[in-house]
Amino acid sequence: MPDQDVNTAQCAPQEEETPRFPIRWRWTILVSFTVAAAVLAVSLIILDLERDAWLDSQSAQAAVLVERLGDELKLPMLAGSKVEVDIIVSGFLKKVPAVLGAHVQYAIGEDQHFGNIGADDPLLHAITAENKAVRLPAARLWFTKKIEYAGTEVGTIAVRFSEKTWEELASRLVTRMTLVAVIVIVFASLVAYWIAGRMSKPLEAQAQAAQHVAYGDYSIRLPLAGNDEITDATSQFNNMVAELAHKEEIRDIFGRYLNPKLVAEVFDEGELQTASHRQEVTVLFADMVSFTSFSASTPTEEVVDVLNQHFEVFHRIIDYYGGHVDKYIGDAVMAVFNHPN
């Protein structure tokens, strides 16, 4: 069973690393999406405004045509002459290609249908005509007018106009706006990619420099260019590397005179383990023979040079046998063994 557990642990799948997604591509996608959304919103607004303008223009033209048709139908409708009404409305449909059909309703309740409409059209049941030509509040372009003669209502007419003109206009607008949108999105994406690339280069340089620092190279410095947040981060990175180099230099200096294990604990852990315990240690005191007379008859520079050589030799020997230098006392050295702290 233990062997089986070990094998199971060894065969456990490792966590997959998250795929790298560069900043420049993130910014490019974000800007492209934002520009596309903005262009779409502007296009919808423009289409809505254009449709309102087209409806106003169409309504003005349609009102004039329906008024004229109503004037021509007054007498035939008053006389109840459906044949004459048919001739007038059919001629109107031929003269005005934009008209799809018409509906004539007499005051006595009879009605006639012309063109591309049917009696089952639901809008025909909702016609409420006025004395002037007005547009019905519906999606289709229906215009109605009440027909009166000498103050007597003889019926109503309803004319349906085609939206083909608007569909063609909307198609041209959509085509042009799509072309403009593609050009704007491509241009904005290229600019975003270029700007994001310039922004990411200092970050990539910091990542490479951090890798060098991780390997112990504290001599690397990054160039400073600009006055933005990235430049501030680069400046702080250089300050950090300088502090690490200074710390490493101090560590090397202390390592020449103290036990490396003690130095490592101070610099790596940040504090010493000071728990009380009893331990047998060895303390060594060693000094130079006849140093007093030597120092009195020798120049100071030479005395310092001899002391440095003397202490360096002692330090190496003490360190070799696992001890550390506790202090220097004039020409003497005090060393402790078996107690690095």
C-alpha atoms as a PDB file:
ATOM      1  CA  MET A   1       0.000   0.000   0.000  1.00  0.00           C
ATOM      2  CA  PRO A   2       2.732   2.578   0.758  1.00  0.00           C
ATOM      3  CA  ASP A   3       4.347   1.848  -2.630  1.00  0.00           C
ATOM      4  CA  GLN A   4       1.014   2.307  -4.318  1.00  0.00           C
ATOM      5  CA  ASP A   5       0.540   5.680  -2.603  1.00  0.00           C
ATOM      6  CA  VAL A   6       3.982   6.792  -3.720  1.00  0.00           C
ATOM      7  CA  ASN A   7       3.265   5.806  -7.314  1.00  0.00           C
ATOM      8  CA  THR A   8      -0.047   7.583  -7.212  1.00  0.00           C
ATOM      9  CA  ALA A   9       1.610  10.745  -5.938  1.00  0.00           C
ATOM     10  CA  GLN A  10       4.254  10.536  -8.623  1.00  0.00           C
ATOM     11  CA  CYS A  11       1.653  10.107 -11.355  1.00  0.00           C
ATOM     12  CA  ALA A  12      -0.508  13.004 -10.137  1.00  0.00           C
ATOM     13  CA  PRO A  13      -0.907  15.570 -12.910  1.00  0.00           C
ATOM     14  CA  GLN A  14       0.903  18.827 -12.426  1.00  0.00           C
ATOM     15  CA  GLU A  15      -0.902  22.132 -12.702  1.00  0.00           C
ATOM     16  CA  GLU A  16      -0.675  23.582 -16.175  1.00  0.00           C
ATOM     17  CA  GLU A  17       0.794  27.027 -16.548  1.00  0.00           C
ATOM     18  CA  THR A  18      -1.544  29.781 -17.689  1.00  0.00           C
ATOM     19  CA  PRO A  19      -0.895  30.631 -21.369  1.00  0.00           C
ATOM     20  CA  ARG A  20       0.960  33.884 -21.829  1.00  0.00           C
ATOM     21  CA  PHE A  21      -1.207  36.714 -23.160  1.00  0.00           C
ATOM     22  CA  PRO A  22       0.929  39.769 -24.069  1.00  0.00           C
ATOM     23  CA  ILE A  23      -0.246  43.223 -23.019  1.00  0.00           C
ATOM     24  CA  ARG A  24      -0.090  44.569 -26.554  1.00  0.00           C
ATOM     25  CA  TRP A  25      -2.649  42.015 -27.734  1.00  0.00           C
ATOM     26  CA  ARG A  26      -4.882  42.723 -24.749  1.00  0.00           C
ATOM     27  CA  TRP A  27      -4.853  46.438 -25.501  1.00  0.00           C
ATOM     28  CA  THR A  28      -5.379  45.803 -29.225  1.00  0.00           C
ATOM     29  CA  ILE A  29      -8.425  43.608 -28.591  1.00  0.00           C
ATOM     30  CA  LEU A  30      -9.809  46.038 -26.001  1.00  0.00           C
ATOM     31  CA  VAL A  31      -9.407  49.083 -28.252  1.00  0.00           C
ATOM     32  CA  SER A  32     -10.815  47.216 -31.269  1.00  0.00           C
ATOM     33  CA  PHE A  33     -13.846  46.093 -29.301  1.00  0.00           C
ATOM     34  CA  THR A  34     -14.396  49.586 -27.870  1.00  0.00           C
ATOM     35  CA  VAL A  35     -14.080  51.272 -31.261  1.00  0.00           C
ATOM     36  CA  ALA A  36     -16.368  48.682 -32.851  1.00  0.00           C
ATOM     37  CA  ALA A  37     -18.988  49.240 -30.142  1.00  0.00           C
ATOM     38  CA  ALA A  38     -18.706  53.023 -30.530  1.00  0.00           C
ATOM     39  CA  VAL A  39     -18.990  52.830 -34.325  1.00  0.00           C
ATOM     40  CA  LEU A  40     -21.994  50.502 -34.014  1.00  0.00           C
ATOM     41  CA  ALA A  41     -23.720  52.874 -31.591  1.00  0.00           C
ATOM     42  CA  VAL A  42     -23.017  55.883 -33.819  1.00  0.00           C
ATOM     43  CA  SER A  43     -24.243  53.946 -36.866  1.00  0.00           C
ATOM     44  CA  LEU A  44     -27.502  53.055 -35.162  1.00  0.00           C
ATOM     45  CA  ILE A  45     -28.013  56.679 -34.133  1.00  0.00           C
ATOM     46  CA  ILE A  46     -27.274  57.887 -37.675  1.00  0.00           C
ATOM     47  CA  LEU A  47     -29.648  55.314 -39.164  1.00  0.00           C
ATOM     48  CA  ASP A  48     -32.368  56.348 -36.737  1.00  0.00           C
ATOM     49  CA  LEU A  49     -31.881  60.037 -37.534  1.00  0.00           C
ATOM     50  CA  GLU A  50     -31.809  59.350 -41.259  1.00  0.00           C
ATOM     51  CA  ARG A  51     -34.986  57.290 -41.027  1.00  0.00           C
ATOM     52  CA  ASP A  52     -36.746  60.071 -39.117  1.00  0.00           C
ATOM     53  CA  ALA A  53     -35.645  62.583 -41.759  1.00  0.00           C
ATOM     54  CA  TRP A  54     -36.751  60.268 -44.557  1.00  0.00           C
ATOM     55  CA  LEU A  55     -40.127  59.690 -42.886  1.00  0.00           C
ATOM     56  CA  ASP A  56     -40.659  63.435 -42.532  1.00  0.00           C
ATOM     57  CA  SER A  57     -39.848  63.963 -46.205  1.00  0.00           C
ATOM     58  CA  GLN A  58     -41.976  61.001 -47.275  1.00  0.00           C
ATOM     59  CA  SER A  59     -44.858  62.147 -45.099  1.00  0.00           C
ATOM     60  CA  ALA A  60     -44.822  65.599 -46.631  1.00  0.00           C
ATOM     61  CA  GLN A  61     -44.904  64.193 -50.178  1.00  0.00           C
ATOM     62  CA  ALA A  62     -47.466  61.525 -49.321  1.00  0.00           C
ATOM     63  CA  ALA A  63     -49.773  64.057 -47.676  1.00  0.00           C
ATOM     64  CA  VAL A  64     -49.857  66.133 -50.864  1.00  0.00           C
ATOM     65  CA  LEU A  65     -50.601  63.089 -53.021  1.00  0.00           C
ATOM     66  CA  VAL A  66     -53.346  61.806 -50.720  1.00  0.00           C
ATOM     67  CA  GLU A  67     -54.940  65.264 -50.599  1.00  0.00           C
ATOM     68  CA  ARG A  68     -55.055  65.387 -54.397  1.00  0.00           C
ATOM     69  CA  LEU A  69     -56.454  61.867 -54.619  1.00  0.00           C
ATOM     70  CA  GLY A  70     -59.128  62.760 -52.066  1.00  0.00           C
ATOM     71  CA  ASP A  71     -60.168  65.814 -54.062  1.00  0.00           C
ATOM     72  CA  GLU A  72     -60.551  63.690 -57.204  1.00  0.00           C
ATOM     73  CA  LEU A  73     -62.635  61.049 -55.379  1.00  0.00           C
ATOM     74  CA  LYS A  74     -65.192  63.386 -53.753  1.00  0.00           C
ATOM     75  CA  LEU A  75     -67.783  63.404 -56.509  1.00  0.00           C
ATOM     76  CA  PRO A  76     -67.455  59.732 -57.580  1.00  0.00           C
ATOM     77  CA  MET A  77     -67.716  58.579 -53.956  1.00  0.00           C
ATOM     78  CA  LEU A  78     -70.690  60.885 -53.344  1.00  0.00           C
ATOM     79  CA  ALA A  79     -72.396  59.408 -56.394  1.00  0.00           C
ATOM     80  CA  GLY A  80     -71.433  55.879 -55.380  1.00  0.00           C
ATOM     81  CA  SER A  81     -69.764  55.256 -58.748  1.00  0.00           C
ATOM     82  CA  LYS A  82     -67.337  52.448 -57.990  1.00  0.00           C
ATOM     83  CA  VAL A  83     -66.304  52.210 -61.639  1.00  0.00           C
ATOM     84  CA  GLU A  84     -65.175  55.814 -61.723  1.00  0.00           C
ATOM     85  CA  VAL A  85     -63.452  55.383 -58.348  1.00  0.00           C
ATOM     86  CA  ASP A  86     -61.662  52.324 -59.728  1.00  0.00           C
ATOM     87  CA  ILE A  87     -60.450  54.278 -62.778  1.00  0.00           C
ATOM     88  CA  ILE A  88     -59.173  57.191 -60.689  1.00  0.00           C
ATOM     89  CA  VAL A  89     -57.383  55.042 -58.077  1.00  0.00           C
ATOM     90  CA  SER A  90     -55.885  52.682 -60.698  1.00  0.00           C
ATOM     91  CA  GLY A  91     -54.528  55.660 -62.617  1.00  0.00           C
ATOM     92  CA  PHE A  92     -53.115  57.062 -59.382  1.00  0.00           C
ATOM     93  CA  LEU A  93     -51.280  53.789 -58.704  1.00  0.00           C
ATOM     94  CA  LYS A  94     -49.738  53.844 -62.190  1.00  0.00           C
ATOM     95  CA  LYS A  95     -48.634  57.467 -61.919  1.00  0.00           C
ATOM     96  CA  VAL A  96     -47.076  57.028 -58.457  1.00  0.00           C
ATOM     97  CA  PRO A  97     -44.853  53.879 -58.370  1.00  0.00           C
ATOM     98  CA  ALA A  98     -44.131  54.428 -54.677  1.00  0.00           C
ATOM     99  CA  VAL A  99     -47.772  53.571 -53.839  1.00  0.00           C
ATOM    100  CA  LEU A 100     -48.345  49.873 -53.116  1.00  0.00           C
ATOM    101  CA  GLY A 101     -52.122  50.001 -52.727  1.00  0.00           C
ATOM    102  CA  ALA A 102     -55.158  51.907 -51.586  1.00  0.00           C
ATOM    103  CA  HIS A 103     -58.334  51.325 -49.643  1.00  0.00           C
ATOM    104  CA  VAL A 104     -61.557  53.234 -50.227  1.00  0.00           C
ATOM    105  CA  GLN A 105     -64.352  53.016 -47.678  1.00  0.00           C
ATOM    106  CA  TYR A 106     -67.747  54.573 -48.317  1.00  0.00           C
ATOM    107  CA  ALA A 107     -69.868  56.177 -45.648  1.00  0.00           C
ATOM    108  CA  ILE A 108     -72.578  53.597 -46.296  1.00  0.00           C
ATOM    109  CA  GLY A 109     -70.166  50.807 -45.180  1.00  0.00           C
ATOM    110  CA  GLU A 110     -68.954  49.431 -48.529  1.00  0.00           C
ATOM    111  CA  ASP A 111     -65.265  49.443 -49.448  1.00  0.00           C
ATOM    112  CA  GLN A 112     -62.842  48.786 -52.312  1.00  0.00           C
ATOM    113  CA  HIS A 113     -59.238  47.528 -52.327  1.00  0.00           C
ATOM    114  CA  PHE A 114     -56.621  48.402 -54.893  1.00  0.00           C
ATOM    115  CA  GLY A 115     -53.058  47.290 -55.475  1.00  0.00           C
ATOM    116  CA  ASN A 116     -50.940  45.080 -53.224  1.00  0.00           C
ATOM    117  CA  ILE A 117     -53.166  44.994 -50.118  1.00  0.00           C
ATOM    118  CA  GLY A 118     -55.912  42.691 -48.939  1.00  0.00           C
ATOM    119  CA  ALA A 119     -59.100  43.010 -46.992  1.00  0.00           C
ATOM    120  CA  ASP A 120     -57.539  41.056 -44.122  1.00  0.00           C
ATOM    121  CA  ASP A 121     -54.869  43.699 -43.492  1.00  0.00           C
ATOM    122  CA  PRO A 122     -55.219  44.442 -39.735  1.00  0.00           C
ATOM    123  CA  LEU A 123     -54.431  48.119 -40.251  1.00  0.00           C
ATOM    124  CA  LEU A 124     -57.598  48.614 -42.248  1.00  0.00           C
ATOM    125  CA  HIS A 125     -59.640  47.942 -39.138  1.00  0.00           C
ATOM    126  CA  ALA A 126     -57.782  50.628 -37.174  1.00  0.00           C
ATOM    127  CA  ILE A 127     -58.194  53.504 -39.642  1.00  0.00           C
ATOM    128  CA  THR A 128     -59.400  56.677 -38.010  1.00  0.00           C
ATOM    129  CA  ALA A 129     -59.330  59.357 -40.694  1.00  0.00           C
ATOM    130  CA  GLU A 130     -59.212  63.118 -40.234  1.00  0.00           C
ATOM    131  CA  ASN A 131     -60.038  65.996 -42.524  1.00  0.00           C
ATOM    132  CA  LYS A 132     -56.391  66.184 -43.602  1.00  0.00           C
ATOM    133  CA  ALA A 133     -53.982  63.487 -44.727  1.00  0.00           C
ATOM    134  CA  VAL A 134     -52.168  61.963 -41.743  1.00  0.00           C
ATOM    135  CA  ARG A 135     -49.898  58.963 -41.253  1.00  0.00           C
ATOM    136  CA  LEU A 136     -51.113  56.034 -39.179  1.00  0.00           C
ATOM    137  CA  PRO A 137     -48.964  55.266 -36.108  1.00  0.00           C
ATOM    138  CA  ALA A 138     -47.724  51.949 -37.478  1.00  0.00           C
ATOM    139  CA  ALA A 139     -44.593  50.470 -38.949  1.00  0.00           C
ATOM    140  CA  ARG A 140     -45.946  50.565 -42.479  1.00  0.00           C
ATOM    141  CA  LEU A 141     -46.421  53.796 -44.388  1.00  0.00           C
ATOM    142  CA  TRP A 142     -50.204  54.203 -44.328  1.00  0.00           C
ATOM    143  CA  PHE A 143     -51.738  57.633 -44.895  1.00  0.00           C
ATOM    144  CA  THR A 144     -55.462  58.314 -44.442  1.00  0.00           C
ATOM    145  CA  LYS A 145     -57.878  61.163 -45.130  1.00  0.00           C
ATOM    146  CA  LYS A 146     -61.589  61.712 -44.511  1.00  0.00           C
ATOM    147  CA  ILE A 147     -63.522  62.619 -47.714  1.00  0.00           C
ATOM    148  CA  GLU A 148     -66.155  65.289 -47.284  1.00  0.00           C
ATOM    149  CA  TYR A 149     -68.285  67.180 -49.760  1.00  0.00           C
ATOM    150  CA  ALA A 150     -70.185  70.288 -48.726  1.00  0.00           C
ATOM    151  CA  GLY A 151     -69.780  69.297 -45.078  1.00  0.00           C
ATOM    152  CA  THR A 152     -71.097  65.791 -45.666  1.00  0.00           C
ATOM    153  CA  GLU A 153     -68.828  62.816 -45.046  1.00  0.00           C
ATOM    154  CA  VAL A 154     -68.785  60.516 -48.059  1.00  0.00           C
ATOM    155  CA  GLY A 155     -66.091  58.091 -46.870  1.00  0.00           C
ATOM    156  CA  THR A 156     -62.370  57.670 -46.163  1.00  0.00           C
ATOM    157  CA  ILE A 157     -59.327  56.682 -48.180  1.00  0.00           C
ATOM    158  CA  ALA A 158     -56.125  54.987 -47.011  1.00  0.00           C
ATOM    159  CA  VAL A 159     -52.994  54.787 -49.163  1.00  0.00           C
ATOM    160  CA  ARG A 160     -50.001  52.608 -48.459  1.00  0.00           C
ATOM    161  CA  PHE A 161     -46.586  53.769 -49.694  1.00  0.00           C
ATOM    162  CA  SER A 162     -43.563  51.565 -50.307  1.00  0.00           C
ATOM    163  CA  GLU A 163     -40.478  51.610 -48.061  1.00  0.00           C
ATOM    164  CA  LYS A 164     -38.229  50.421 -50.875  1.00  0.00           C
ATOM    165  CA  THR A 165     -36.635  53.847 -51.147  1.00  0.00           C
ATOM    166  CA  TRP A 166     -35.709  53.765 -47.479  1.00  0.00           C
ATOM    167  CA  GLU A 167     -34.408  50.201 -47.738  1.00  0.00           C
ATOM    168  CA  GLU A 168     -32.130  51.191 -50.616  1.00  0.00           C
ATOM    169  CA  LEU A 169     -30.970  54.294 -48.750  1.00  0.00           C
ATOM    170  CA  ALA A 170     -30.387  52.289 -45.561  1.00  0.00           C
ATOM    171  CA  SER A 171     -28.443  49.671 -47.521  1.00  0.00           C
ATOM    172  CA  ARG A 172     -26.131  52.335 -48.960  1.00  0.00           C
ATOM    173  CA  LEU A 173     -25.683  53.912 -45.539  1.00  0.00           C
ATOM    174  CA  VAL A 174     -24.888  50.556 -43.908  1.00  0.00           C
ATOM    175  CA  THR A 175     -22.381  49.710 -46.650  1.00  0.00           C
ATOM    176  CA  ARG A 176     -20.554  53.017 -46.323  1.00  0.00           C
ATOM    177  CA  MET A 177     -20.620  53.006 -42.526  1.00  0.00           C
ATOM    178  CA  THR A 178     -19.331  49.419 -42.492  1.00  0.00           C
ATOM    179  CA  LEU A 179     -16.448  50.406 -44.749  1.00  0.00           C
ATOM    180  CA  VAL A 180     -15.643  53.405 -42.563  1.00  0.00           C
ATOM    181  CA  ALA A 181     -15.951  51.253 -39.431  1.00  0.00           C
ATOM    182  CA  VAL A 182     -13.514  48.663 -40.792  1.00  0.00           C
ATOM    183  CA  ILE A 183     -10.993  51.365 -41.688  1.00  0.00           C
ATOM    184  CA  VAL A 184     -11.330  53.039 -38.273  1.00  0.00           C
ATOM    185  CA  ILE A 185     -11.078  49.739 -36.384  1.00  0.00           C
ATOM    186  CA  VAL A 186      -8.015  48.616 -38.344  1.00  0.00           C
ATOM    187  CA  PHE A 187      -6.319  51.997 -37.869  1.00  0.00           C
ATOM    188  CA  ALA A 188      -7.186  52.114 -34.159  1.00  0.00           C
ATOM    189  CA  SER A 189      -5.968  48.532 -33.703  1.00  0.00           C
ATOM    190  CA  LEU A 190      -2.640  49.284 -35.373  1.00  0.00           C
ATOM    191  CA  VAL A 191      -2.171  52.419 -33.257  1.00  0.00           C
ATOM    192  CA  ALA A 192      -3.122  50.522 -30.087  1.00  0.00           C
ATOM    193  CA  TYR A 193      -0.736  47.682 -30.982  1.00  0.00           C
ATOM    194  CA  TRP A 194       2.091  50.158 -31.586  1.00  0.00           C
ATOM    195  CA  ILE A 195       1.445  52.135 -28.388  1.00  0.00           C
ATOM    196  CA  ALA A 196       1.013  48.973 -26.302  1.00  0.00           C
ATOM    197  CA  GLY A 197       4.237  47.625 -27.784  1.00  0.00           C
ATOM    198  CA  ARG A 198       6.110  50.749 -26.715  1.00  0.00           C
ATOM    199  CA  MET A 199       4.572  50.448 -23.255  1.00  0.00           C
ATOM    200  CA  SER A 200       5.418  46.757 -22.926  1.00  0.00           C
ATOM    201  CA  LYS A 201       9.072  47.075 -23.946  1.00  0.00           C
ATOM    202  CA  PRO A 202      10.154  48.666 -20.616  1.00  0.00           C
ATOM    203  CA  LEU A 203       8.180  45.996 -18.757  1.00  0.00           C
ATOM    204  CA  GLU A 204       9.861  43.239 -20.775  1.00  0.00           C
ATOM    205  CA  ALA A 205      13.235  44.871 -20.063  1.00  0.00           C
ATOM    206  CA  GLN A 206      12.396  44.884 -16.336  1.00  0.00           C
ATOM    207  CA  ALA A 207      11.457  41.198 -16.492  1.00  0.00           C
ATOM    208  CA  GLN A 208      14.765  40.305 -18.163  1.00  0.00           C
ATOM    209  CA  ALA A 209      16.705  42.486 -15.731  1.00  0.00           C
ATOM    210  CA  ALA A 210      14.899  40.872 -12.788  1.00  0.00           C
ATOM    211  CA  GLN A 211      15.992  37.483 -14.121  1.00  0.00           C
ATOM    212  CA  HIS A 212      19.615  38.655 -14.136  1.00  0.00           C
ATOM    213  CA  VAL A 213      19.214  39.940 -10.578  1.00  0.00           C
ATOM    214  CA  ALA A 214      17.747  36.600  -9.528  1.00  0.00           C
ATOM    215  CA  TYR A 215      20.950  34.963 -10.794  1.00  0.00           C
ATOM    216  CA  GLY A 216      23.061  37.338  -8.689  1.00  0.00           C
ATOM    217  CA  ASP A 217      23.947  40.010 -11.248  1.00  0.00           C
ATOM    218  CA  TYR A 218      23.517  43.306  -9.395  1.00  0.00           C
ATOM    219  CA  SER A 219      25.397  45.413 -11.927  1.00  0.00           C
ATOM    220  CA  ILE A 220      22.502  45.730 -14.344  1.00  0.00           C
ATOM    221  CA  ARG A 221      20.755  49.102 -14.663  1.00  0.00           C
ATOM    222  CA  LEU A 222      17.836  50.085 -16.888  1.00  0.00           C
ATOM    223  CA  PRO A 223      17.788  53.341 -18.901  1.00  0.00           C
ATOM    224  CA  LEU A 224      15.258  55.980 -17.857  1.00  0.00           C
ATOM    225  CA  ALA A 225      13.211  57.678 -20.585  1.00  0.00           C
ATOM    226  CA  GLY A 226       9.966  59.548 -20.068  1.00  0.00           C
ATOM    227  CA  ASN A 227       8.013  60.871 -17.111  1.00  0.00           C
ATOM    228  CA  ASP A 228       5.196  58.364 -16.646  1.00  0.00           C
ATOM    229  CA  GLU A 229       4.395  55.536 -14.231  1.00  0.00           C
ATOM    230  CA  ILE A 230       6.536  53.039 -16.158  1.00  0.00           C
ATOM    231  CA  THR A 231       9.538  55.341 -15.803  1.00  0.00           C
ATOM    232  CA  ASP A 232       8.826  55.589 -12.069  1.00  0.00           C
ATOM    233  CA  ALA A 233       8.715  51.785 -11.837  1.00  0.00           C
ATOM    234  CA  THR A 234      12.003  51.540 -13.759  1.00  0.00           C
ATOM    235  CA  SER A 235      13.620  54.082 -11.445  1.00  0.00           C
ATOM    236  CA  GLN A 236      12.449  52.169  -8.372  1.00  0.00           C
ATOM    237  CA  PHE A 237      13.756  48.953  -9.928  1.00  0.00           C
ATOM    238  CA  ASN A 238      17.200  50.525 -10.337  1.00  0.00           C
ATOM    239  CA  ASN A 239      17.075  51.715  -6.712  1.00  0.00           C
ATOM    240  CA  MET A 240      16.128  48.215  -5.582  1.00  0.00           C
ATOM    241  CA  VAL A 241      19.020  46.655  -7.493  1.00  0.00           C
ATOM    242  CA  ALA A 242      21.403  49.251  -6.050  1.00  0.00           C
ATOM    243  CA  GLU A 243      20.201  48.418  -2.529  1.00  0.00           C
ATOM    244  CA  LEU A 244      20.617  44.693  -3.202  1.00  0.00           C
ATOM    245  CA  ALA A 245      24.137  45.300  -4.510  1.00  0.00           C
ATOM    246  CA  HIS A 246      24.940  47.360  -1.425  1.00  0.00           C
ATOM    247  CA  LYS A 247      23.532  44.654   0.814  1.00  0.00           C
ATOM    248  CA  GLU A 248      25.562  41.995  -0.986  1.00  0.00           C
ATOM    249  CA  GLU A 249      28.694  44.116  -0.614  1.00  0.00           C
ATOM    250  CA  ILE A 250      28.089  44.488   3.117  1.00  0.00           C
ATOM    251  CA  ARG A 251      27.428  40.785   3.344  1.00  0.00           C
ATOM    252  CA  ASP A 252      30.771  40.020   1.669  1.00  0.00           C
ATOM    253  CA  ILE A 253      32.576  42.397   4.022  1.00  0.00           C
ATOM    254  CA  PHE A 254      31.011  40.819   7.101  1.00  0.00           C
ATOM    255  CA  GLY A 255      31.701  37.384   5.671  1.00  0.00           C
ATOM    256  CA  ARG A 256      35.416  38.083   5.803  1.00  0.00           C
ATOM    257  CA  TYR A 257      35.365  38.445   9.572  1.00  0.00           C
ATOM    258  CA  LEU A 258      32.309  36.494  10.768  1.00  0.00           C
ATOM    259  CA  ASN A 259      31.075  32.977  10.362  1.00  0.00           C
ATOM    260  CA  PRO A 260      29.302  32.632   6.978  1.00  0.00           C
ATOM    261  CA  LYS A 261      26.460  30.753   8.661  1.00  0.00           C
ATOM    262  CA  LEU A 262      25.929  33.666  11.054  1.00  0.00           C
ATOM    263  CA  VAL A 263      26.028  36.197   8.210  1.00  0.00           C
ATOM    264  CA  ALA A 264      23.553  34.131   6.179  1.00  0.00           C
ATOM    265  CA  GLU A 265      21.126  34.012   9.075  1.00  0.00           C
ATOM    266  CA  VAL A 266      21.308  37.768   9.581  1.00  0.00           C
ATOM    267  CA  PHE A 267      20.848  38.691   5.923  1.00  0.00           C
ATOM    268  CA  ASP A 268      18.496  35.934   4.779  1.00  0.00           C
ATOM    269  CA  GLU A 269      16.264  35.487   7.804  1.00  0.00           C
ATOM    270  CA  GLY A 270      16.516  39.059   9.024  1.00  0.00           C
ATOM    271  CA  GLU A 271      17.021  38.106  12.676  1.00  0.00           C
ATOM    272  CA  LEU A 272      18.955  35.693  14.880  1.00  0.00           C
ATOM    273  CA  GLN A 273      17.588  32.786  16.828  1.00  0.00           C
ATOM    274  CA  THR A 274      18.114  33.901  20.436  1.00  0.00           C
ATOM    275  CA  ALA A 275      16.492  31.009  22.284  1.00  0.00           C
ATOM    276  CA  SER A 276      18.410  30.249  25.523  1.00  0.00           C
ATOM    277  CA  HIS A 277      20.272  26.936  25.662  1.00  0.00           C
ATOM    278  CA  ARG A 278      23.379  25.407  27.218  1.00  0.00           C
ATOM    279  CA  GLN A 279      26.245  24.483  24.904  1.00  0.00           C
ATOM    280  CA  GLU A 280      29.979  23.756  25.232  1.00  0.00           C
ATOM    281  CA  VAL A 281      32.099  26.205  23.257  1.00  0.00           C
ATOM    282  CA  THR A 282      35.780  26.922  22.754  1.00  0.00           C
ATOM    283  CA  VAL A 283      37.168  30.435  22.936  1.00  0.00           C
ATOM    284  CA  LEU A 284      40.542  31.290  21.427  1.00  0.00           C
ATOM    285  CA  PHE A 285      42.602  34.391  22.275  1.00  0.00           C
ATOM    286  CA  ALA A 286      45.675  35.016  20.112  1.00  0.00           C
ATOM    287  CA  ASP A 287      47.878  38.050  19.780  1.00  0.00           C
ATOM    288  CA  MET A 288      51.175  39.006  18.156  1.00  0.00           C
ATOM    289  CA  VAL A 289      54.454  38.612  19.989  1.00  0.00           C
ATOM    290  CA  SER A 290      56.385  41.848  20.720  1.00  0.00           C
ATOM    291  CA  PHE A 291      53.735  43.950  19.000  1.00  0.00           C
ATOM    292  CA  THR A 292      54.262  46.904  21.356  1.00  0.00           C
ATOM    293  CA  SER A 293      57.913  47.363  20.501  1.00  0.00           C
ATOM    294  CA  PHE A 294      57.219  46.621  16.831  1.00  0.00           C
ATOM    295  CA  SER A 295      54.503  49.255  16.561  1.00  0.00           C
ATOM    296  CA  ALA A 296      56.651  51.836  18.395  1.00  0.00           C
ATOM    297  CA  SER A 297      59.567  51.522  15.943  1.00  0.00           C
ATOM    298  CA  THR A 298      57.578  51.029  12.722  1.00  0.00           C
ATOM    299  CA  PRO A 299      55.597  53.549  10.613  1.00  0.00           C
ATOM    300  CA  THR A 300      51.847  53.469  11.104  1.00  0.00           C
ATOM    301  CA  GLU A 301      51.067  52.444   7.505  1.00  0.00           C
ATOM    302  CA  GLU A 302      53.326  49.414   7.750  1.00  0.00           C
ATOM    303  CA  VAL A 303      51.839  48.434  11.145  1.00  0.00           C
ATOM    304  CA  VAL A 304      48.316  48.556   9.671  1.00  0.00           C
ATOM    305  CA  ASP A 305      49.405  46.479   6.691  1.00  0.00           C
ATOM    306  CA  VAL A 306      50.960  43.828   8.938  1.00  0.00           C
ATOM    307  CA  LEU A 307      47.835  43.739  11.140  1.00  0.00           C
ATOM    308  CA  ASN A 308      45.611  43.270   8.099  1.00  0.00           C
ATOM    309  CA  GLN A 309      47.702  40.376   6.851  1.00  0.00           C
ATOM    310  CA  HIS A 310      47.847  38.879  10.346  1.00  0.00           C
ATOM    311  CA  PHE A 311      44.053  39.098  10.857  1.00  0.00           C
ATOM    312  CA  GLU A 312      43.337  37.766   7.377  1.00  0.00           C
ATOM    313  CA  VAL A 313      45.439  34.636   8.014  1.00  0.00           C
ATOM    314  CA  PHE A 314      43.812  34.089  11.401  1.00  0.00           C
ATOM    315  CA  HIS A 315      40.351  34.591   9.920  1.00  0.00           C
ATOM    316  CA  ARG A 316      40.917  31.946   7.282  1.00  0.00           C
ATOM    317  CA  ILE A 317      42.215  29.448   9.831  1.00  0.00           C
ATOM    318  CA  ILE A 318      39.358  30.130  12.245  1.00  0.00           C
ATOM    319  CA  ASP A 319      36.782  29.869   9.489  1.00  0.00           C
ATOM    320  CA  TYR A 320      38.337  26.638   8.228  1.00  0.00           C
ATOM    321  CA  TYR A 321      37.824  24.990  11.615  1.00  0.00           C
ATOM    322  CA  GLY A 322      34.209  26.150  11.933  1.00  0.00           C
ATOM    323  CA  GLY A 323      34.710  29.096  14.243  1.00  0.00           C
ATOM    324  CA  HIS A 324      33.972  32.772  13.893  1.00  0.00           C
ATOM    325  CA  VAL A 325      35.774  35.936  14.954  1.00  0.00           C
ATOM    326  CA  ASP A 326      34.060  37.549  17.898  1.00  0.00           C
ATOM    327  CA  LYS A 327      36.194  40.701  18.039  1.00  0.00           C
ATOM    328  CA  TYR A 328      39.602  42.218  17.414  1.00  0.00           C
ATOM    329  CA  ILE A 329      41.425  43.696  20.411  1.00  0.00           C
ATOM    330  CA  GLY A 330      44.351  45.727  19.211  1.00  0.00           C
ATOM    331  CA  ASP A 331      46.769  43.082  17.869  1.00  0.00           C
ATOM    332  CA  ALA A 332      44.740  40.242  19.402  1.00  0.00           C
ATOM    333  CA  VAL A 333      41.849  38.269  17.968  1.00  0.00           C
ATOM    334  CA  MET A 334      39.086  36.544  19.931  1.00  0.00           C
ATOM    335  CA  ALA A 335      37.474  33.539  18.188  1.00  0.00           C
ATOM    336  CA  VAL A 336      34.580  31.273  19.269  1.00  0.00           C
ATOM    337  CA  PHE A 337      34.098  27.700  18.084  1.00  0.00           C
ATOM    338  CA  ASN A 338      30.969  25.524  18.165  1.00  0.00           C
ATOM    339  CA  HIS A 339      28.707  28.488  18.725  1.00  0.00           C
ATOM    340  CA  PRO A 340      27.993  30.417  15.528  1.00  0.00           C
ATOM    341  CA  ASN A 341      25.392  32.674  17.134  1.00  0.00           C
END
